[in-house]
Amino acid sequence: MPFRDAGRHFEDILKSIGYIDEFVGELSFEMYEADRKTRSAVERELQIITEAAVRLGDDAAAICPGVDWKGFRGMGNILRHAYHRVDGRIVWDTVQKELPLMRVAVARALEVMRSA
């Protein structure tokens, strides 16, 4: 059972993606890896995104197709419980490749939800 309505979780996801974009800016991977504060901030916002994915549950894929919801939930488990195994390259690739797609899909889902 979701903790809040799906729209709020999608809004949280969009907000966290925006923060990550601010944190990363024009950094290269090497600059990101060397900046502990930025890595920590990005990982925290990813935790929020992954927790929202958990709270959305199976409804996420139905409401917002095209996102690897299961993969994000799995990433959350690593960020929370296996933090010593976090791979900076995987986080970076997620930020660069997956989050832009997620942003579009979530924004579209919110539009549909608001117009219904």
N, C-alpha and C. Protein backbone atom coordinates (compact mmCIF):
# COMPACT_ATOMS: atom_id res chain seq x y z
N MET A 1 0.84 -1.19 0.00
CA MET A 1 0.00 0.00 0.00
C MET A 1 0.88 1.24 0.00
N PRO A 2 0.65 2.17 -0.92
CA PRO A 2 1.50 3.36 -0.98
C PRO A 2 1.32 4.24 0.26
N PHE A 3 2.41 4.91 0.62
CA PHE A 3 2.38 5.80 1.77
C PHE A 3 1.63 7.08 1.47
N ARG A 4 1.70 7.53 0.23
CA ARG A 4 1.02 8.74 -0.24
C ARG A 4 0.51 8.43 -1.63
N ASP A 5 -0.18 9.38 -2.21
CA ASP A 5 -0.66 9.14 -3.56
C ASP A 5 0.50 9.15 -4.56
N ALA A 6 0.29 8.48 -5.67
CA ALA A 6 1.34 8.32 -6.68
C ALA A 6 1.86 9.67 -7.18
N GLY A 7 0.98 10.62 -7.33
CA GLY A 7 1.41 11.93 -7.82
C GLY A 7 2.48 12.56 -6.95
N ARG A 8 2.34 12.45 -5.65
CA ARG A 8 3.35 13.01 -4.74
C ARG A 8 4.69 12.31 -4.91
N HIS A 9 4.65 10.99 -5.08
CA HIS A 9 5.90 10.25 -5.28
C HIS A 9 6.57 10.67 -6.59
N PHE A 10 5.77 10.82 -7.64
CA PHE A 10 6.34 11.27 -8.91
C PHE A 10 6.91 12.68 -8.79
N GLU A 11 6.25 13.55 -8.06
CA GLU A 11 6.79 14.89 -7.82
C GLU A 11 8.12 14.83 -7.07
N ASP A 12 8.21 13.96 -6.07
CA ASP A 12 9.46 13.78 -5.34
C ASP A 12 10.58 13.32 -6.27
N ILE A 13 10.24 12.42 -7.17
CA ILE A 13 11.23 11.91 -8.13
C ILE A 13 11.73 13.06 -9.01
N LEU A 14 10.82 13.85 -9.54
CA LEU A 14 11.23 14.97 -10.40
C LEU A 14 12.09 15.97 -9.64
N LYS A 15 11.73 16.24 -8.40
CA LYS A 15 12.51 17.18 -7.59
C LYS A 15 13.93 16.64 -7.37
N SER A 16 14.04 15.36 -7.06
CA SER A 16 15.36 14.77 -6.83
C SER A 16 16.20 14.75 -8.10
N ILE A 17 15.57 14.48 -9.23
CA ILE A 17 16.31 14.52 -10.49
C ILE A 17 16.83 15.94 -10.73
N GLY A 18 16.03 16.94 -10.45
CA GLY A 18 16.47 18.33 -10.59
C GLY A 18 17.66 18.65 -9.70
N TYR A 19 17.61 18.20 -8.46
CA TYR A 19 18.74 18.41 -7.55
C TYR A 19 20.00 17.73 -8.08
N ILE A 20 19.85 16.51 -8.53
CA ILE A 20 21.02 15.79 -9.07
C ILE A 20 21.60 16.54 -10.24
N ASP A 21 20.76 17.06 -11.13
CA ASP A 21 21.25 17.86 -12.26
C ASP A 21 22.04 19.06 -11.77
N GLU A 22 21.54 19.73 -10.72
CA GLU A 22 22.26 20.87 -10.14
C GLU A 22 23.61 20.45 -9.59
N PHE A 23 23.63 19.35 -8.85
CA PHE A 23 24.86 18.88 -8.22
C PHE A 23 25.92 18.50 -9.25
N VAL A 24 25.49 17.81 -10.28
CA VAL A 24 26.44 17.28 -11.27
C VAL A 24 26.85 18.35 -12.27
N GLY A 25 25.90 19.17 -12.70
CA GLY A 25 26.21 20.25 -13.63
C GLY A 25 27.01 19.76 -14.82
N GLU A 26 28.14 20.38 -15.03
CA GLU A 26 29.00 20.05 -16.16
C GLU A 26 30.20 19.18 -15.77
N LEU A 27 30.11 18.53 -14.62
CA LEU A 27 31.22 17.70 -14.16
C LEU A 27 31.49 16.54 -15.10
N SER A 28 32.74 16.17 -15.21
CA SER A 28 33.10 14.92 -15.89
C SER A 28 33.00 13.80 -14.85
N PHE A 29 33.07 12.58 -15.30
CA PHE A 29 33.05 11.45 -14.36
C PHE A 29 34.21 11.56 -13.38
N GLU A 30 35.37 11.91 -13.88
CA GLU A 30 36.56 11.99 -13.02
C GLU A 30 36.37 13.06 -11.94
N MET A 31 35.80 14.19 -12.32
CA MET A 31 35.54 15.25 -11.35
C MET A 31 34.50 14.80 -10.32
N TYR A 32 33.48 14.11 -10.80
CA TYR A 32 32.44 13.57 -9.90
C TYR A 32 33.07 12.60 -8.90
N GLU A 33 33.86 11.68 -9.38
CA GLU A 33 34.51 10.69 -8.52
C GLU A 33 35.39 11.33 -7.46
N ALA A 34 36.02 12.43 -7.81
CA ALA A 34 36.95 13.09 -6.89
C ALA A 34 36.24 13.97 -5.85
N ASP A 35 34.95 14.22 -6.05
CA ASP A 35 34.21 15.14 -5.19
C ASP A 35 33.27 14.37 -4.26
N ARG A 36 33.74 14.09 -3.08
CA ARG A 36 32.98 13.27 -2.11
C ARG A 36 31.63 13.90 -1.77
N LYS A 37 31.59 15.21 -1.61
CA LYS A 37 30.32 15.86 -1.27
C LYS A 37 29.28 15.66 -2.38
N THR A 38 29.70 15.83 -3.61
CA THR A 38 28.77 15.67 -4.72
C THR A 38 28.32 14.22 -4.82
N ARG A 39 29.24 13.28 -4.69
CA ARG A 39 28.85 11.86 -4.72
C ARG A 39 27.83 11.56 -3.63
N SER A 40 28.08 12.07 -2.43
CA SER A 40 27.16 11.83 -1.32
C SER A 40 25.79 12.45 -1.59
N ALA A 41 25.79 13.66 -2.11
CA ALA A 41 24.52 14.34 -2.40
C ALA A 41 23.74 13.61 -3.49
N VAL A 42 24.42 13.19 -4.53
CA VAL A 42 23.76 12.45 -5.62
C VAL A 42 23.20 11.13 -5.09
N GLU A 43 23.99 10.42 -4.31
CA GLU A 43 23.52 9.15 -3.77
C GLU A 43 22.31 9.35 -2.86
N ARG A 44 22.28 10.43 -2.09
CA ARG A 44 21.12 10.71 -1.23
C ARG A 44 19.87 10.94 -2.07
N GLU A 45 19.98 11.73 -3.12
CA GLU A 45 18.82 11.98 -3.97
C GLU A 45 18.39 10.71 -4.70
N LEU A 46 19.35 9.87 -5.07
CA LEU A 46 18.99 8.59 -5.67
C LEU A 46 18.26 7.70 -4.67
N GLN A 47 18.64 7.80 -3.40
CA GLN A 47 17.91 7.04 -2.36
C GLN A 47 16.45 7.49 -2.32
N ILE A 48 16.22 8.78 -2.42
CA ILE A 48 14.85 9.28 -2.42
C ILE A 48 14.08 8.75 -3.62
N ILE A 49 14.71 8.80 -4.79
CA ILE A 49 14.08 8.28 -6.01
C ILE A 49 13.76 6.80 -5.85
N THR A 50 14.71 6.05 -5.35
CA THR A 50 14.49 4.60 -5.23
C THR A 50 13.45 4.29 -4.17
N GLU A 51 13.39 5.06 -3.10
CA GLU A 51 12.36 4.85 -2.09
C GLU A 51 10.98 5.19 -2.65
N ALA A 52 10.89 6.24 -3.45
CA ALA A 52 9.62 6.56 -4.11
C ALA A 52 9.20 5.41 -5.02
N ALA A 53 10.17 4.80 -5.71
CA ALA A 53 9.87 3.65 -6.57
C ALA A 53 9.33 2.49 -5.74
N VAL A 54 9.90 2.27 -4.57
CA VAL A 54 9.42 1.21 -3.68
C VAL A 54 7.98 1.52 -3.25
N ARG A 55 7.74 2.74 -2.85
CA ARG A 55 6.41 3.12 -2.36
C ARG A 55 5.36 3.08 -3.48
N LEU A 56 5.77 3.35 -4.71
CA LEU A 56 4.84 3.24 -5.82
C LEU A 56 4.48 1.79 -6.11
N GLY A 57 5.39 0.89 -5.80
CA GLY A 57 5.15 -0.54 -5.99
C GLY A 57 4.87 -0.91 -7.43
N ASP A 58 4.02 -1.91 -7.58
CA ASP A 58 3.70 -2.41 -8.91
C ASP A 58 2.91 -1.40 -9.74
N ASP A 59 2.31 -0.42 -9.08
CA ASP A 59 1.56 0.61 -9.80
C ASP A 59 2.46 1.46 -10.69
N ALA A 60 3.72 1.56 -10.34
CA ALA A 60 4.63 2.44 -11.07
C ALA A 60 4.66 2.10 -12.56
N ALA A 61 4.84 0.84 -12.88
CA ALA A 61 4.95 0.45 -14.29
C ALA A 61 3.65 0.67 -15.04
N ALA A 62 2.53 0.49 -14.36
CA ALA A 62 1.24 0.70 -15.02
C ALA A 62 0.97 2.18 -15.27
N ILE A 63 1.32 3.00 -14.30
CA ILE A 63 1.06 4.44 -14.41
C ILE A 63 2.11 5.13 -15.26
N CYS A 64 3.34 4.64 -15.16
CA CYS A 64 4.47 5.31 -15.81
C CYS A 64 5.36 4.27 -16.49
N PRO A 65 4.95 3.78 -17.66
CA PRO A 65 5.76 2.78 -18.37
C PRO A 65 7.04 3.38 -18.93
N GLY A 66 7.97 2.49 -19.24
CA GLY A 66 9.21 2.93 -19.87
C GLY A 66 10.35 3.20 -18.92
N VAL A 67 10.13 2.95 -17.63
CA VAL A 67 11.18 3.15 -16.61
C VAL A 67 11.49 1.78 -16.01
N ASP A 68 12.74 1.52 -15.75
CA ASP A 68 13.14 0.27 -15.11
C ASP A 68 12.91 0.37 -13.60
N TRP A 69 11.65 0.30 -13.21
CA TRP A 69 11.29 0.47 -11.80
C TRP A 69 11.95 -0.59 -10.92
N LYS A 70 11.97 -1.81 -11.40
CA LYS A 70 12.59 -2.89 -10.62
C LYS A 70 14.08 -2.62 -10.43
N GLY A 71 14.74 -2.15 -11.46
CA GLY A 71 16.16 -1.81 -11.38
C GLY A 71 16.42 -0.68 -10.38
N PHE A 72 15.55 0.32 -10.38
CA PHE A 72 15.72 1.41 -9.42
C PHE A 72 15.49 0.93 -7.99
N ARG A 73 14.50 0.07 -7.80
CA ARG A 73 14.29 -0.46 -6.45
C ARG A 73 15.51 -1.25 -6.00
N GLY A 74 16.10 -2.02 -6.90
CA GLY A 74 17.31 -2.78 -6.58
C GLY A 74 18.48 -1.87 -6.25
N MET A 75 18.62 -0.79 -7.00
CA MET A 75 19.69 0.17 -6.72
C MET A 75 19.51 0.75 -5.32
N GLY A 76 18.27 0.99 -4.94
CA GLY A 76 18.00 1.52 -3.61
C GLY A 76 18.48 0.57 -2.51
N ASN A 77 18.30 -0.71 -2.73
CA ASN A 77 18.78 -1.68 -1.74
C ASN A 77 20.29 -1.59 -1.58
N ILE A 78 20.99 -1.41 -2.67
CA ILE A 78 22.45 -1.27 -2.59
C ILE A 78 22.82 0.02 -1.89
N LEU A 79 22.18 1.13 -2.27
CA LEU A 79 22.50 2.42 -1.65
C LEU A 79 22.26 2.41 -0.15
N ARG A 80 21.20 1.72 0.27
CA ARG A 80 20.85 1.70 1.70
C ARG A 80 21.57 0.63 2.49
N HIS A 81 21.71 -0.56 1.91
CA HIS A 81 22.17 -1.70 2.70
C HIS A 81 23.57 -2.20 2.34
N ALA A 82 24.01 -1.91 1.14
CA ALA A 82 25.34 -2.37 0.70
C ALA A 82 26.16 -1.17 0.23
N TYR A 83 26.05 -0.08 0.98
CA TYR A 83 26.70 1.19 0.61
C TYR A 83 28.19 1.02 0.33
N HIS A 84 28.82 0.04 0.95
CA HIS A 84 30.25 -0.20 0.74
C HIS A 84 30.53 -0.77 -0.65
N ARG A 85 29.48 -1.19 -1.36
CA ARG A 85 29.64 -1.75 -2.70
C ARG A 85 29.16 -0.82 -3.80
N VAL A 86 28.81 0.42 -3.46
CA VAL A 86 28.31 1.36 -4.47
C VAL A 86 29.40 1.59 -5.50
N ASP A 87 29.05 1.40 -6.75
CA ASP A 87 29.98 1.58 -7.87
C ASP A 87 29.72 2.95 -8.49
N GLY A 88 30.70 3.83 -8.39
CA GLY A 88 30.57 5.18 -8.90
C GLY A 88 30.23 5.23 -10.38
N ARG A 89 30.75 4.32 -11.15
CA ARG A 89 30.48 4.30 -12.59
C ARG A 89 29.01 3.96 -12.86
N ILE A 90 28.45 3.04 -12.08
CA ILE A 90 27.04 2.70 -12.26
C ILE A 90 26.16 3.88 -11.86
N VAL A 91 26.50 4.54 -10.77
CA VAL A 91 25.74 5.72 -10.36
C VAL A 91 25.82 6.78 -11.45
N TRP A 92 27.02 7.04 -11.95
CA TRP A 92 27.21 8.04 -12.99
C TRP A 92 26.41 7.71 -14.24
N ASP A 93 26.48 6.46 -14.68
CA ASP A 93 25.73 6.05 -15.87
C ASP A 93 24.22 6.19 -15.65
N THR A 94 23.77 5.88 -14.45
CA THR A 94 22.35 6.05 -14.13
C THR A 94 21.95 7.52 -14.24
N VAL A 95 22.78 8.38 -13.69
CA VAL A 95 22.51 9.83 -13.73
C VAL A 95 22.50 10.33 -15.17
N GLN A 96 23.45 9.88 -15.96
CA GLN A 96 23.59 10.39 -17.32
C GLN A 96 22.61 9.77 -18.31
N LYS A 97 22.26 8.49 -18.12
CA LYS A 97 21.45 7.79 -19.12
C LYS A 97 20.03 7.50 -18.68
N GLU A 98 19.85 7.09 -17.45
CA GLU A 98 18.53 6.66 -16.99
C GLU A 98 17.66 7.80 -16.47
N LEU A 99 18.26 8.73 -15.74
CA LEU A 99 17.44 9.80 -15.15
C LEU A 99 16.79 10.71 -16.19
N PRO A 100 17.47 11.05 -17.29
CA PRO A 100 16.78 11.87 -18.30
C PRO A 100 15.53 11.17 -18.86
N LEU A 101 15.62 9.86 -19.06
CA LEU A 101 14.47 9.10 -19.55
C LEU A 101 13.38 9.04 -18.49
N MET A 102 13.79 8.86 -17.24
CA MET A 102 12.83 8.82 -16.15
C MET A 102 12.11 10.16 -16.03
N ARG A 103 12.86 11.24 -16.15
CA ARG A 103 12.25 12.58 -16.04
C ARG A 103 11.12 12.74 -17.05
N VAL A 104 11.37 12.37 -18.29
CA VAL A 104 10.36 12.51 -19.34
C VAL A 104 9.15 11.63 -19.04
N ALA A 105 9.39 10.38 -18.67
CA ALA A 105 8.29 9.44 -18.41
C ALA A 105 7.46 9.89 -17.21
N VAL A 106 8.11 10.33 -16.15
CA VAL A 106 7.40 10.75 -14.94
C VAL A 106 6.62 12.04 -15.21
N ALA A 107 7.22 12.97 -15.91
CA ALA A 107 6.51 14.22 -16.24
C ALA A 107 5.27 13.92 -17.07
N ARG A 108 5.40 12.99 -18.01
CA ARG A 108 4.26 12.60 -18.85
C ARG A 108 3.17 11.96 -17.98
N ALA A 109 3.57 11.07 -17.08
CA ALA A 109 2.59 10.41 -16.20
C ALA A 109 1.86 11.44 -15.33
N LEU A 110 2.60 12.41 -14.82
CA LEU A 110 1.97 13.45 -14.00
C LEU A 110 0.98 14.26 -14.81
N GLU A 111 1.33 14.57 -16.05
CA GLU A 111 0.41 15.30 -16.94
C GLU A 111 -0.90 14.54 -17.13
N VAL A 112 -0.77 13.26 -17.39
CA VAL A 112 -1.95 12.42 -17.59
C VAL A 112 -2.78 12.36 -16.31
N MET A 113 -2.12 12.22 -15.17
CA MET A 113 -2.83 12.14 -13.90
C MET A 113 -3.56 13.44 -13.59
N ARG A 114 -2.95 14.54 -13.90
CA ARG A 114 -3.56 15.85 -13.61
C ARG A 114 -4.71 16.17 -14.54
N SER A 115 -4.67 15.65 -15.76
CA SER A 115 -5.73 15.95 -16.71
C SER A 115 -6.92 14.99 -16.58
N ALA A 116 -6.75 13.95 -15.78
CA ALA A 116 -7.84 12.95 -15.63
C ALA A 116 -8.89 13.41 -14.65
